[in-house]
Amino acid sequence: MFERNRIDNVLQQMSVPAEVTLADGTLLKGKFVILAARSIYEVLNGETKFLEFETYDGNKTLIAKSTIAAINLVNPPAAGGLRARLRDDQDFDPYAVLGLAPGSSWEQIRSNYLKFSKMYHPDLYSSVALPDEVRDYLAAMARRVNAAYRALEEPQQTAKRVTAAKPAPIFTSAPRA
């Protein structure tokens, strides 16, 4: 009988960016597709004779280990710049965070907020294997976008409350003499 509570163990894959030089001198730029549970070194030194490689164009191919002359693993830049940028809060400008000129209309503020909040939303990157520094940066940017919107929204909400007419009472009693 079919069990609804059973979860199939799906094998997670990750990609490792690399430049591969083949024995004939051909240079391939792309990424190795490997299981997330294994390191690239285990895969390269393992028993398999072929490696799955995907070029940046999206072409997937299997490369025979015997045809590989050299592999250069491409590492992303260090996150020092990202961490420094996250600490740079003393000059917080909500208009600059949302990519707007000071004094922009409320419709433009709302439009840019929606655009950036979708761009940096944590759920968008939850299934992607990213370095911790990049994940921290994306989370910090999401917080900055939300803080910028709240800072620009407060005067708008205050203006709405001030201009809103108070409703007249439904029942009034005649003044006593």
C-alpha atoms as a PDB file:
ATOM      1  CA  MET A   1       0.000   0.000   0.000  1.00  0.00           C
ATOM      2  CA  PHE A   2       1.119   3.543  -0.715  1.00  0.00           C
ATOM      3  CA  GLU A   3       2.414   5.383   2.331  1.00  0.00           C
ATOM      4  CA  ARG A   4       1.828   9.106   2.350  1.00  0.00           C
ATOM      5  CA  ASN A   5       4.263   9.776   5.183  1.00  0.00           C
ATOM      6  CA  ARG A   6       7.202   8.167   3.417  1.00  0.00           C
ATOM      7  CA  ILE A   7       9.730  10.647   2.092  1.00  0.00           C
ATOM      8  CA  ASP A   8      11.932   9.541  -0.749  1.00  0.00           C
ATOM      9  CA  ASN A   9      15.583  10.219  -0.217  1.00  0.00           C
ATOM     10  CA  VAL A  10      16.374  12.579  -3.081  1.00  0.00           C
ATOM     11  CA  LEU A  11      20.073  12.974  -3.770  1.00  0.00           C
ATOM     12  CA  GLN A  12      21.101  16.613  -3.572  1.00  0.00           C
ATOM     13  CA  GLN A  13      23.518  17.810  -6.215  1.00  0.00           C
ATOM     14  CA  MET A  14      25.830  20.790  -6.149  1.00  0.00           C
ATOM     15  CA  SER A  15      28.117  22.399  -8.663  1.00  0.00           C
ATOM     16  CA  VAL A  16      31.820  23.181  -8.376  1.00  0.00           C
ATOM     17  CA  PRO A  17      33.074  25.886 -10.770  1.00  0.00           C
ATOM     18  CA  ALA A  18      36.242  24.900 -12.629  1.00  0.00           C
ATOM     19  CA  GLU A  19      38.374  25.397 -15.706  1.00  0.00           C
ATOM     20  CA  VAL A  20      39.375  22.082 -17.295  1.00  0.00           C
ATOM     21  CA  THR A  21      42.264  21.707 -19.732  1.00  0.00           C
ATOM     22  CA  LEU A  22      41.997  18.553 -21.817  1.00  0.00           C
ATOM     23  CA  ALA A  23      44.934  16.540 -23.199  1.00  0.00           C
ATOM     24  CA  ASP A  24      44.410  18.049 -26.661  1.00  0.00           C
ATOM     25  CA  GLY A  25      44.715  21.603 -25.236  1.00  0.00           C
ATOM     26  CA  THR A  26      41.002  22.443 -25.223  1.00  0.00           C
ATOM     27  CA  LEU A  27      39.961  24.684 -22.336  1.00  0.00           C
ATOM     28  CA  LEU A  28      36.480  24.129 -20.894  1.00  0.00           C
ATOM     29  CA  LYS A  29      34.936  26.623 -18.465  1.00  0.00           C
ATOM     30  CA  GLY A  30      31.976  25.549 -16.407  1.00  0.00           C
ATOM     31  CA  LYS A  31      31.170  23.449 -13.390  1.00  0.00           C
ATOM     32  CA  PHE A  32      31.348  19.869 -12.209  1.00  0.00           C
ATOM     33  CA  VAL A  33      28.023  18.467 -11.041  1.00  0.00           C
ATOM     34  CA  ILE A  34      28.575  16.261  -7.983  1.00  0.00           C
ATOM     35  CA  LEU A  35      26.603  14.886  -5.068  1.00  0.00           C
ATOM     36  CA  ALA A  36      26.442  17.320  -2.159  1.00  0.00           C
ATOM     37  CA  ALA A  37      27.542  14.619   0.278  1.00  0.00           C
ATOM     38  CA  ARG A  38      30.931  14.248  -1.460  1.00  0.00           C
ATOM     39  CA  SER A  39      33.780  16.671  -2.001  1.00  0.00           C
ATOM     40  CA  ILE A  40      35.212  17.397  -5.431  1.00  0.00           C
ATOM     41  CA  TYR A  41      38.449  15.673  -4.427  1.00  0.00           C
ATOM     42  CA  GLU A  42      36.607  12.446  -3.589  1.00  0.00           C
ATOM     43  CA  VAL A  43      34.902  12.560  -6.973  1.00  0.00           C
ATOM     44  CA  LEU A  44      38.136  13.250  -8.875  1.00  0.00           C
ATOM     45  CA  ASN A  45      40.001  10.461  -7.073  1.00  0.00           C
ATOM     46  CA  GLY A  46      37.081   8.019  -7.109  1.00  0.00           C
ATOM     47  CA  GLU A  47      36.592   4.903  -9.203  1.00  0.00           C
ATOM     48  CA  THR A  48      34.328   6.445 -11.845  1.00  0.00           C
ATOM     49  CA  LYS A  49      35.857   6.885 -15.283  1.00  0.00           C
ATOM     50  CA  PHE A  50      33.704   9.874 -16.320  1.00  0.00           C
ATOM     51  CA  LEU A  51      32.851  13.184 -14.687  1.00  0.00           C
ATOM     52  CA  GLU A  52      29.688  15.178 -15.316  1.00  0.00           C
ATOM     53  CA  PHE A  53      30.590  18.680 -16.495  1.00  0.00           C
ATOM     54  CA  GLU A  54      28.290  21.547 -17.471  1.00  0.00           C
ATOM     55  CA  THR A  55      29.640  24.517 -19.405  1.00  0.00           C
ATOM     56  CA  TYR A  56      28.363  27.995 -18.651  1.00  0.00           C
ATOM     57  CA  ASP A  57      26.374  27.780 -21.900  1.00  0.00           C
ATOM     58  CA  GLY A  58      24.317  25.003 -20.305  1.00  0.00           C
ATOM     59  CA  ASN A  59      25.780  22.119 -22.344  1.00  0.00           C
ATOM     60  CA  LYS A  60      26.124  19.017 -20.199  1.00  0.00           C
ATOM     61  CA  THR A  61      28.797  16.503 -21.070  1.00  0.00           C
ATOM     62  CA  LEU A  62      30.655  13.591 -19.556  1.00  0.00           C
ATOM     63  CA  ILE A  63      34.427  13.973 -19.542  1.00  0.00           C
ATOM     64  CA  ALA A  64      36.682  10.941 -19.358  1.00  0.00           C
ATOM     65  CA  LYS A  65      39.204  11.319 -16.546  1.00  0.00           C
ATOM     66  CA  SER A  66      41.916   9.974 -18.853  1.00  0.00           C
ATOM     67  CA  THR A  67      41.502  13.009 -21.186  1.00  0.00           C
ATOM     68  CA  ILE A  68      41.979  15.624 -18.437  1.00  0.00           C
ATOM     69  CA  ALA A  69      45.382  17.327 -18.367  1.00  0.00           C
ATOM     70  CA  ALA A  70      44.672  19.958 -15.683  1.00  0.00           C
ATOM     71  CA  ILE A  71      41.841  21.233 -13.504  1.00  0.00           C
ATOM     72  CA  ASN A  72      41.747  24.722 -12.025  1.00  0.00           C
ATOM     73  CA  LEU A  73      39.050  25.061  -9.360  1.00  0.00           C
ATOM     74  CA  VAL A  74      37.609  28.549  -9.498  1.00  0.00           C
ATOM     75  CA  ASN A  75      36.897  30.011  -6.080  1.00  0.00           C
ATOM     76  CA  PRO A  76      34.655  33.022  -5.521  1.00  0.00           C
ATOM     77  CA  PRO A  77      36.361  36.148  -4.161  1.00  0.00           C
ATOM     78  CA  ALA A  78      36.884  36.423  -0.433  1.00  0.00           C
ATOM     79  CA  ALA A  79      33.978  37.797   1.528  1.00  0.00           C
ATOM     80  CA  GLY A  80      35.938  40.526   3.288  1.00  0.00           C
ATOM     81  CA  GLY A  81      34.319  43.143   1.103  1.00  0.00           C
ATOM     82  CA  LEU A  82      30.870  41.755   1.783  1.00  0.00           C
ATOM     83  CA  ARG A  83      31.361  41.836   5.552  1.00  0.00           C
ATOM     84  CA  ALA A  84      32.706  45.401   5.411  1.00  0.00           C
ATOM     85  CA  ARG A  85      29.707  46.482   3.379  1.00  0.00           C
ATOM     86  CA  LEU A  86      27.315  44.951   5.903  1.00  0.00           C
ATOM     87  CA  ARG A  87      28.938  46.964   8.707  1.00  0.00           C
ATOM     88  CA  ASP A  88      28.611  50.185   6.700  1.00  0.00           C
ATOM     89  CA  ASP A  89      25.361  51.313   8.349  1.00  0.00           C
ATOM     90  CA  GLN A  90      26.339  54.796   9.556  1.00  0.00           C
ATOM     91  CA  ASP A  91      25.404  56.328   6.209  1.00  0.00           C
ATOM     92  CA  PHE A  92      22.089  54.479   5.868  1.00  0.00           C
ATOM     93  CA  ASP A  93      20.036  56.257   3.234  1.00  0.00           C
ATOM     94  CA  PRO A  94      16.674  54.571   2.612  1.00  0.00           C
ATOM     95  CA  TYR A  95      16.362  56.137  -0.826  1.00  0.00           C
ATOM     96  CA  ALA A  96      19.792  54.826  -1.858  1.00  0.00           C
ATOM     97  CA  VAL A  97      18.989  51.323  -0.557  1.00  0.00           C
ATOM     98  CA  LEU A  98      15.856  51.247  -2.707  1.00  0.00           C
ATOM     99  CA  GLY A  99      17.683  52.797  -5.684  1.00  0.00           C
ATOM    100  CA  LEU A 100      15.632  56.003  -5.685  1.00  0.00           C
ATOM    101  CA  ALA A 101      16.243  59.724  -5.817  1.00  0.00           C
ATOM    102  CA  PRO A 102      15.246  61.647  -2.679  1.00  0.00           C
ATOM    103  CA  GLY A 103      11.674  62.877  -2.884  1.00  0.00           C
ATOM    104  CA  SER A 104      10.434  60.038  -5.125  1.00  0.00           C
ATOM    105  CA  SER A 105       6.718  59.379  -5.289  1.00  0.00           C
ATOM    106  CA  TRP A 106       5.076  56.845  -3.014  1.00  0.00           C
ATOM    107  CA  GLU A 107       4.187  54.633  -5.992  1.00  0.00           C
ATOM    108  CA  GLN A 108       7.847  54.508  -7.064  1.00  0.00           C
ATOM    109  CA  ILE A 109       8.965  53.732  -3.493  1.00  0.00           C
ATOM    110  CA  ARG A 110       6.468  50.884  -3.251  1.00  0.00           C
ATOM    111  CA  SER A 111       7.414  49.547  -6.703  1.00  0.00           C
ATOM    112  CA  ASN A 112      11.150  49.485  -5.925  1.00  0.00           C
ATOM    113  CA  TYR A 113      10.516  47.959  -2.501  1.00  0.00           C
ATOM    114  CA  LEU A 114       8.574  45.095  -4.077  1.00  0.00           C
ATOM    115  CA  LYS A 115      11.295  44.598  -6.698  1.00  0.00           C
ATOM    116  CA  PHE A 116      14.145  44.475  -4.160  1.00  0.00           C
ATOM    117  CA  SER A 117      12.237  42.449  -1.571  1.00  0.00           C
ATOM    118  CA  LYS A 118      11.589  39.776  -4.215  1.00  0.00           C
ATOM    119  CA  MET A 119      15.237  39.918  -5.308  1.00  0.00           C
ATOM    120  CA  TYR A 120      16.687  39.404  -1.815  1.00  0.00           C
ATOM    121  CA  HIS A 121      13.943  37.212  -0.302  1.00  0.00           C
ATOM    122  CA  PRO A 122      15.540  34.294   1.621  1.00  0.00           C
ATOM    123  CA  ASP A 123      13.183  31.687   0.139  1.00  0.00           C
ATOM    124  CA  LEU A 124      14.536  32.452  -3.328  1.00  0.00           C
ATOM    125  CA  TYR A 125      17.980  31.110  -2.351  1.00  0.00           C
ATOM    126  CA  SER A 126      16.968  28.397   0.117  1.00  0.00           C
ATOM    127  CA  SER A 127      17.580  25.512  -2.292  1.00  0.00           C
ATOM    128  CA  VAL A 128      20.854  26.852  -3.714  1.00  0.00           C
ATOM    129  CA  ALA A 129      24.234  25.890  -2.276  1.00  0.00           C
ATOM    130  CA  LEU A 130      25.826  29.259  -1.501  1.00  0.00           C
ATOM    131  CA  PRO A 131      28.824  30.193   0.630  1.00  0.00           C
ATOM    132  CA  ASP A 132      27.912  31.385   4.123  1.00  0.00           C
ATOM    133  CA  GLU A 133      29.231  34.880   3.378  1.00  0.00           C
ATOM    134  CA  VAL A 134      26.914  35.282   0.398  1.00  0.00           C
ATOM    135  CA  ARG A 135      23.946  33.898   2.334  1.00  0.00           C
ATOM    136  CA  ASP A 136      24.680  36.369   5.189  1.00  0.00           C
ATOM    137  CA  TYR A 137      24.973  39.221   2.702  1.00  0.00           C
ATOM    138  CA  LEU A 138      21.630  38.366   1.067  1.00  0.00           C
ATOM    139  CA  ALA A 139      19.925  38.176   4.476  1.00  0.00           C
ATOM    140  CA  ALA A 140      21.437  41.513   5.527  1.00  0.00           C
ATOM    141  CA  MET A 141      20.319  43.134   2.282  1.00  0.00           C
ATOM    142  CA  ALA A 142      16.782  41.830   2.822  1.00  0.00           C
ATOM    143  CA  ARG A 143      16.829  43.415   6.298  1.00  0.00           C
ATOM    144  CA  ARG A 144      18.164  46.698   4.857  1.00  0.00           C
ATOM    145  CA  VAL A 145      15.455  46.798   2.176  1.00  0.00           C
ATOM    146  CA  ASN A 146      12.752  46.206   4.804  1.00  0.00           C
ATOM    147  CA  ALA A 147      14.240  48.862   7.121  1.00  0.00           C
ATOM    148  CA  ALA A 148      14.421  51.375   4.260  1.00  0.00           C
ATOM    149  CA  TYR A 149      10.798  50.765   3.354  1.00  0.00           C
ATOM    150  CA  ARG A 150       9.686  51.103   6.990  1.00  0.00           C
ATOM    151  CA  ALA A 151      11.623  54.372   7.277  1.00  0.00           C
ATOM    152  CA  LEU A 152       9.931  55.781   4.166  1.00  0.00           C
ATOM    153  CA  GLU A 153       6.530  54.305   4.999  1.00  0.00           C
ATOM    154  CA  GLU A 154       6.200  55.910   8.443  1.00  0.00           C
ATOM    155  CA  PRO A 155       5.738  59.509   7.206  1.00  0.00           C
ATOM    156  CA  GLN A 156       3.270  58.224   4.601  1.00  0.00           C
ATOM    157  CA  GLN A 157       1.214  56.404   7.250  1.00  0.00           C
ATOM    158  CA  THR A 158       1.330  59.418   9.584  1.00  0.00           C
ATOM    159  CA  ALA A 159       0.073  61.678   6.800  1.00  0.00           C
ATOM    160  CA  LYS A 160      -2.787  59.249   6.128  1.00  0.00           C
ATOM    161  CA  ARG A 161      -3.802  59.227   9.794  1.00  0.00           C
ATOM    162  CA  VAL A 162      -3.763  63.029  10.024  1.00  0.00           C
ATOM    163  CA  THR A 163      -5.815  63.572   6.880  1.00  0.00           C
ATOM    164  CA  ALA A 164      -8.319  60.836   7.649  1.00  0.00           C
ATOM    165  CA  ALA A 165     -11.593  62.399   8.735  1.00  0.00           C
ATOM    166  CA  LYS A 166     -12.916  61.177  12.009  1.00  0.00           C
ATOM    167  CA  PRO A 167     -16.403  59.754  11.622  1.00  0.00           C
ATOM    168  CA  ALA A 168     -19.226  61.648  13.210  1.00  0.00           C
ATOM    169  CA  PRO A 169     -20.872  59.890  16.139  1.00  0.00           C
ATOM    170  CA  ILE A 170     -23.945  57.946  15.206  1.00  0.00           C
ATOM    171  CA  PHE A 171     -25.958  58.731  18.339  1.00  0.00           C
ATOM    172  CA  THR A 172     -25.846  62.061  20.068  1.00  0.00           C
ATOM    173  CA  SER A 173     -27.888  63.270  22.933  1.00  0.00           C
ATOM    174  CA  ALA A 174     -29.294  66.727  23.216  1.00  0.00           C
ATOM    175  CA  PRO A 175     -27.332  68.980  25.534  1.00  0.00           C
ATOM    176  CA  ARG A 176     -28.800  69.314  29.002  1.00  0.00           C
ATOM    177  CA  ALA A 177     -29.998  72.647  30.086  1.00  0.00           C
END
